[in-house]
């Protein structure tokens, strides 16, 4: 059976990561799906995820277990249309860790402090920390916010937000 999980869907910056693992052998693959602002390619999310199954040589009769989140709804329909045996359910901790670690690598690649990481599955608190870091300390030239609405937080200037009024305090927290 192949498990497919995602990571980074709730993060305010960067694209998503998808990981696949063959449970019987531990064979695995992961892919980063970039934001439209990060690439000129017109590859769909489903095509990126399908590349995982191709890398693992998944035959149509092998069961594919997708995580329960709605981010894979379109992919589920695509697999069913192609004749794959698709199920939805709880993903193993091993596959979850593969996806989360791959997403953390993407964060570290853009300069996020390597001594900070997700703990105890506290996604909301972690993603808030990522957002504060991005707004106050990210110096890259790409817009990595997932939506135009969120991007405006960085480009509008000072707002009623402690991130803008006390950036030195935040630098002390992160470094």
C-alpha atoms as a PDB file:
ATOM      1  CA  UNK A   1       0.000   0.000   0.000  1.00  0.00           C
ATOM      2  CA  UNK A   2       1.130   3.535  -0.810  1.00  0.00           C
ATOM      3  CA  UNK A   3       0.446   6.363   1.637  1.00  0.00           C
ATOM      4  CA  UNK A   4       0.316   9.991   0.452  1.00  0.00           C
ATOM      5  CA  UNK A   5       0.482  12.880   2.922  1.00  0.00           C
ATOM      6  CA  UNK A   6       0.861  16.638   2.692  1.00  0.00           C
ATOM      7  CA  UNK A   7       2.653  19.253   4.763  1.00  0.00           C
ATOM      8  CA  UNK A   8       2.673  23.031   4.755  1.00  0.00           C
ATOM      9  CA  UNK A   9      -0.892  23.540   3.573  1.00  0.00           C
ATOM     10  CA  UNK A  10      -1.730  25.761   6.550  1.00  0.00           C
ATOM     11  CA  UNK A  11       1.536  27.700   6.492  1.00  0.00           C
ATOM     12  CA  UNK A  12       1.082  31.311   5.324  1.00  0.00           C
ATOM     13  CA  UNK A  13       4.210  31.140   3.146  1.00  0.00           C
ATOM     14  CA  UNK A  14       5.660  28.715   0.597  1.00  0.00           C
ATOM     15  CA  UNK A  15       3.925  26.042  -1.401  1.00  0.00           C
ATOM     16  CA  UNK A  16       2.960  22.596  -0.213  1.00  0.00           C
ATOM     17  CA  UNK A  17       4.911  19.388   0.129  1.00  0.00           C
ATOM     18  CA  UNK A  18       3.592  15.933  -0.662  1.00  0.00           C
ATOM     19  CA  UNK A  19       5.232  12.680   0.339  1.00  0.00           C
ATOM     20  CA  UNK A  20       4.496   9.096  -0.667  1.00  0.00           C
ATOM     21  CA  UNK A  21       5.729   5.934   1.019  1.00  0.00           C
ATOM     22  CA  UNK A  22       5.293   2.269   0.199  1.00  0.00           C
ATOM     23  CA  UNK A  23       4.424   0.782   3.574  1.00  0.00           C
ATOM     24  CA  UNK A  24       5.778  -2.704   2.902  1.00  0.00           C
ATOM     25  CA  UNK A  25       9.298  -1.616   1.854  1.00  0.00           C
ATOM     26  CA  UNK A  26       9.666   1.928   3.229  1.00  0.00           C
ATOM     27  CA  UNK A  27      10.441   3.213  -0.281  1.00  0.00           C
ATOM     28  CA  UNK A  28       9.616   6.922  -0.356  1.00  0.00           C
ATOM     29  CA  UNK A  29       9.490  10.060  -2.474  1.00  0.00           C
ATOM     30  CA  UNK A  30       8.616  13.689  -1.797  1.00  0.00           C
ATOM     31  CA  UNK A  31       7.876  16.691  -3.976  1.00  0.00           C
ATOM     32  CA  UNK A  32       7.569  20.424  -3.369  1.00  0.00           C
ATOM     33  CA  UNK A  33       4.698  22.142  -5.180  1.00  0.00           C
ATOM     34  CA  UNK A  34       5.832  25.756  -5.615  1.00  0.00           C
ATOM     35  CA  UNK A  35       3.624  28.812  -5.492  1.00  0.00           C
ATOM     36  CA  UNK A  36       2.822  30.400  -8.875  1.00  0.00           C
ATOM     37  CA  UNK A  37       5.098  33.305  -7.875  1.00  0.00           C
ATOM     38  CA  UNK A  38       8.032  30.874  -7.474  1.00  0.00           C
ATOM     39  CA  UNK A  39       7.938  29.268 -10.912  1.00  0.00           C
ATOM     40  CA  UNK A  40       6.964  29.911 -14.510  1.00  0.00           C
ATOM     41  CA  UNK A  41       5.877  26.290 -15.007  1.00  0.00           C
ATOM     42  CA  UNK A  42       2.171  25.653 -15.435  1.00  0.00           C
ATOM     43  CA  UNK A  43       2.254  22.241 -13.762  1.00  0.00           C
ATOM     44  CA  UNK A  44      -0.826  21.422 -11.674  1.00  0.00           C
ATOM     45  CA  UNK A  45      -0.660  20.221  -8.086  1.00  0.00           C
ATOM     46  CA  UNK A  46      -2.108  16.893  -9.214  1.00  0.00           C
ATOM     47  CA  UNK A  47       0.699  16.456 -11.783  1.00  0.00           C
ATOM     48  CA  UNK A  48       3.326  17.029  -9.089  1.00  0.00           C
ATOM     49  CA  UNK A  49       1.662  14.466  -6.811  1.00  0.00           C
ATOM     50  CA  UNK A  50       1.272  11.981  -9.677  1.00  0.00           C
ATOM     51  CA  UNK A  51       5.039  12.216 -10.199  1.00  0.00           C
ATOM     52  CA  UNK A  52       5.445  10.627  -6.737  1.00  0.00           C
ATOM     53  CA  UNK A  53       3.464   7.577  -7.791  1.00  0.00           C
ATOM     54  CA  UNK A  54       5.480   7.403 -10.996  1.00  0.00           C
ATOM     55  CA  UNK A  55       8.764   7.524  -9.032  1.00  0.00           C
ATOM     56  CA  UNK A  56       7.545   4.630  -6.884  1.00  0.00           C
ATOM     57  CA  UNK A  57       6.239   2.652  -9.919  1.00  0.00           C
ATOM     58  CA  UNK A  58       2.770   2.278  -8.408  1.00  0.00           C
ATOM     59  CA  UNK A  59       0.537  -0.096 -10.401  1.00  0.00           C
ATOM     60  CA  UNK A  60      -3.192   0.629 -10.596  1.00  0.00           C
ATOM     61  CA  UNK A  61      -4.077  -2.396  -8.482  1.00  0.00           C
ATOM     62  CA  UNK A  62      -1.927  -1.300  -5.512  1.00  0.00           C
ATOM     63  CA  UNK A  63      -3.965   0.492  -2.849  1.00  0.00           C
ATOM     64  CA  UNK A  64      -3.252   4.221  -2.415  1.00  0.00           C
ATOM     65  CA  UNK A  65      -4.157   5.687   0.982  1.00  0.00           C
ATOM     66  CA  UNK A  66      -4.566   9.473   0.900  1.00  0.00           C
ATOM     67  CA  UNK A  67      -4.590  11.650   4.006  1.00  0.00           C
ATOM     68  CA  UNK A  68      -7.980  12.938   5.121  1.00  0.00           C
ATOM     69  CA  UNK A  69      -7.336  16.628   4.393  1.00  0.00           C
ATOM     70  CA  UNK A  70      -9.272  18.258   1.570  1.00  0.00           C
ATOM     71  CA  UNK A  71      -6.092  19.342  -0.241  1.00  0.00           C
ATOM     72  CA  UNK A  72      -6.058  15.947  -1.990  1.00  0.00           C
ATOM     73  CA  UNK A  73      -9.699  15.899  -3.126  1.00  0.00           C
ATOM     74  CA  UNK A  74      -8.846  16.739  -6.746  1.00  0.00           C
ATOM     75  CA  UNK A  75      -6.058  14.163  -6.796  1.00  0.00           C
ATOM     76  CA  UNK A  76      -8.409  11.519  -5.392  1.00  0.00           C
ATOM     77  CA  UNK A  77     -10.865  12.118  -8.247  1.00  0.00           C
ATOM     78  CA  UNK A  78      -8.027  12.006 -10.792  1.00  0.00           C
ATOM     79  CA  UNK A  79      -6.738   8.672  -9.441  1.00  0.00           C
ATOM     80  CA  UNK A  80     -10.226   7.159  -9.375  1.00  0.00           C
ATOM     81  CA  UNK A  81     -10.790   8.296 -12.972  1.00  0.00           C
ATOM     82  CA  UNK A  82      -7.529   6.547 -13.964  1.00  0.00           C
ATOM     83  CA  UNK A  83      -8.653   3.318 -12.270  1.00  0.00           C
ATOM     84  CA  UNK A  84      -6.500   3.351  -9.122  1.00  0.00           C
ATOM     85  CA  UNK A  85      -7.627   1.722  -5.864  1.00  0.00           C
ATOM     86  CA  UNK A  86      -7.951   4.873  -3.689  1.00  0.00           C
ATOM     87  CA  UNK A  87      -8.812   5.065  -0.010  1.00  0.00           C
ATOM     88  CA  UNK A  88      -8.881   7.942   2.509  1.00  0.00           C
ATOM     89  CA  UNK A  89      -7.743   7.580   6.100  1.00  0.00           C
ATOM     90  CA  UNK A  90      -5.231   8.191   8.827  1.00  0.00           C
ATOM     91  CA  UNK A  91      -1.636   8.239   7.626  1.00  0.00           C
ATOM     92  CA  UNK A  92       1.165   6.554   9.571  1.00  0.00           C
ATOM     93  CA  UNK A  93       3.553   8.613  11.662  1.00  0.00           C
ATOM     94  CA  UNK A  94       6.471   7.594   9.410  1.00  0.00           C
ATOM     95  CA  UNK A  95       4.879   9.061   6.268  1.00  0.00           C
ATOM     96  CA  UNK A  96       3.764  12.147   8.183  1.00  0.00           C
ATOM     97  CA  UNK A  97       7.356  12.740   9.345  1.00  0.00           C
ATOM     98  CA  UNK A  98       8.686  12.419   5.790  1.00  0.00           C
ATOM     99  CA  UNK A  99       6.324  15.165   4.587  1.00  0.00           C
ATOM    100  CA  UNK A 100       6.910  17.441   7.593  1.00  0.00           C
ATOM    101  CA  UNK A 101      10.705  17.083   7.422  1.00  0.00           C
ATOM    102  CA  UNK A 102      10.703  17.847   3.697  1.00  0.00           C
ATOM    103  CA  UNK A 103       8.620  20.977   4.334  1.00  0.00           C
ATOM    104  CA  UNK A 104      10.975  22.065   7.122  1.00  0.00           C
ATOM    105  CA  UNK A 105      13.883  21.726   4.670  1.00  0.00           C
ATOM    106  CA  UNK A 106      12.101  24.172   2.333  1.00  0.00           C
ATOM    107  CA  UNK A 107      11.713  26.640   5.233  1.00  0.00           C
ATOM    108  CA  UNK A 108      15.383  26.302   6.158  1.00  0.00           C
ATOM    109  CA  UNK A 109      16.334  26.834   2.496  1.00  0.00           C
ATOM    110  CA  UNK A 110      14.855  30.354   2.615  1.00  0.00           C
ATOM    111  CA  UNK A 111      16.629  31.220   5.861  1.00  0.00           C
ATOM    112  CA  UNK A 112      14.217  30.198   8.602  1.00  0.00           C
ATOM    113  CA  UNK A 113      16.250  29.559  11.792  1.00  0.00           C
ATOM    114  CA  UNK A 114      17.237  25.908  11.945  1.00  0.00           C
ATOM    115  CA  UNK A 115      16.914  25.759  15.716  1.00  0.00           C
ATOM    116  CA  UNK A 116      13.153  26.336  15.396  1.00  0.00           C
ATOM    117  CA  UNK A 117      10.815  23.531  14.424  1.00  0.00           C
ATOM    118  CA  UNK A 118       7.325  22.177  14.808  1.00  0.00           C
ATOM    119  CA  UNK A 119       6.774  20.415  18.114  1.00  0.00           C
ATOM    120  CA  UNK A 120       3.835  18.437  19.480  1.00  0.00           C
ATOM    121  CA  UNK A 121       1.908  19.017  16.244  1.00  0.00           C
ATOM    122  CA  UNK A 122       1.145  22.622  17.308  1.00  0.00           C
ATOM    123  CA  UNK A 123       0.664  23.800  13.719  1.00  0.00           C
ATOM    124  CA  UNK A 124      -1.169  27.027  14.455  1.00  0.00           C
ATOM    125  CA  UNK A 125       1.488  28.324  16.851  1.00  0.00           C
ATOM    126  CA  UNK A 126       4.308  27.226  14.557  1.00  0.00           C
ATOM    127  CA  UNK A 127       2.780  28.867  11.480  1.00  0.00           C
ATOM    128  CA  UNK A 128       2.274  32.083  13.465  1.00  0.00           C
ATOM    129  CA  UNK A 129       5.973  31.989  14.319  1.00  0.00           C
ATOM    130  CA  UNK A 130       6.823  31.453  10.635  1.00  0.00           C
ATOM    131  CA  UNK A 131       4.625  34.404   9.658  1.00  0.00           C
ATOM    132  CA  UNK A 132       6.239  36.686  12.240  1.00  0.00           C
ATOM    133  CA  UNK A 133       9.704  35.616  11.079  1.00  0.00           C
ATOM    134  CA  UNK A 134       8.807  36.189   7.425  1.00  0.00           C
ATOM    135  CA  UNK A 135       7.334  39.645   8.016  1.00  0.00           C
ATOM    136  CA  UNK A 136      10.109  40.882  10.268  1.00  0.00           C
ATOM    137  CA  UNK A 137      13.279  39.072   9.181  1.00  0.00           C
ATOM    138  CA  UNK A 138      12.989  37.575   5.669  1.00  0.00           C
ATOM    139  CA  UNK A 139      15.209  39.500   3.275  1.00  0.00           C
ATOM    140  CA  UNK A 140      14.688  37.573   0.049  1.00  0.00           C
ATOM    141  CA  UNK A 141      13.299  39.250  -3.032  1.00  0.00           C
ATOM    142  CA  UNK A 142      10.431  36.814  -3.703  1.00  0.00           C
ATOM    143  CA  UNK A 143       6.898  37.149  -2.411  1.00  0.00           C
ATOM    144  CA  UNK A 144       6.296  33.834  -0.694  1.00  0.00           C
ATOM    145  CA  UNK A 145       2.866  34.555   0.806  1.00  0.00           C
ATOM    146  CA  UNK A 146       0.195  32.168  -0.436  1.00  0.00           C
ATOM    147  CA  UNK A 147      -2.368  34.826  -1.332  1.00  0.00           C
ATOM    148  CA  UNK A 148      -2.464  38.430  -2.455  1.00  0.00           C
ATOM    149  CA  UNK A 149      -4.463  39.337   0.633  1.00  0.00           C
ATOM    150  CA  UNK A 150      -1.717  38.053   2.924  1.00  0.00           C
ATOM    151  CA  UNK A 151       1.049  39.546   0.811  1.00  0.00           C
ATOM    152  CA  UNK A 152      -0.356  43.001   1.483  1.00  0.00           C
ATOM    153  CA  UNK A 153       0.534  42.562   5.156  1.00  0.00           C
ATOM    154  CA  UNK A 154       4.192  42.826   4.187  1.00  0.00           C
ATOM    155  CA  UNK A 155       3.849  45.554   1.545  1.00  0.00           C
ATOM    156  CA  UNK A 156       1.462  47.992   3.264  1.00  0.00           C
ATOM    157  CA  UNK A 157       4.006  49.103   5.833  1.00  0.00           C
ATOM    158  CA  UNK A 158       3.366  49.615   9.519  1.00  0.00           C
ATOM    159  CA  UNK A 159       0.051  48.347  10.787  1.00  0.00           C
ATOM    160  CA  UNK A 160      -1.512  47.720  14.167  1.00  0.00           C
ATOM    161  CA  UNK A 161       0.719  44.736  14.626  1.00  0.00           C
ATOM    162  CA  UNK A 162       3.555  44.303  17.155  1.00  0.00           C
ATOM    163  CA  UNK A 163       5.713  42.784  14.409  1.00  0.00           C
ATOM    164  CA  UNK A 164       5.991  46.210  12.785  1.00  0.00           C
ATOM    165  CA  UNK A 165       6.267  48.274  15.936  1.00  0.00           C
ATOM    166  CA  UNK A 166       8.832  46.129  17.764  1.00  0.00           C
ATOM    167  CA  UNK A 167      11.036  44.380  15.178  1.00  0.00           C
ATOM    168  CA  UNK A 168      14.085  44.506  17.463  1.00  0.00           C
ATOM    169  CA  UNK A 169      12.279  42.516  20.140  1.00  0.00           C
ATOM    170  CA  UNK A 170      11.427  39.873  17.543  1.00  0.00           C
ATOM    171  CA  UNK A 171      15.028  39.703  16.369  1.00  0.00           C
ATOM    172  CA  UNK A 172      16.021  38.990  19.965  1.00  0.00           C
ATOM    173  CA  UNK A 173      13.454  36.171  20.117  1.00  0.00           C
ATOM    174  CA  UNK A 174      14.692  34.534  16.937  1.00  0.00           C
ATOM    175  CA  UNK A 175      18.447  35.081  17.251  1.00  0.00           C
END
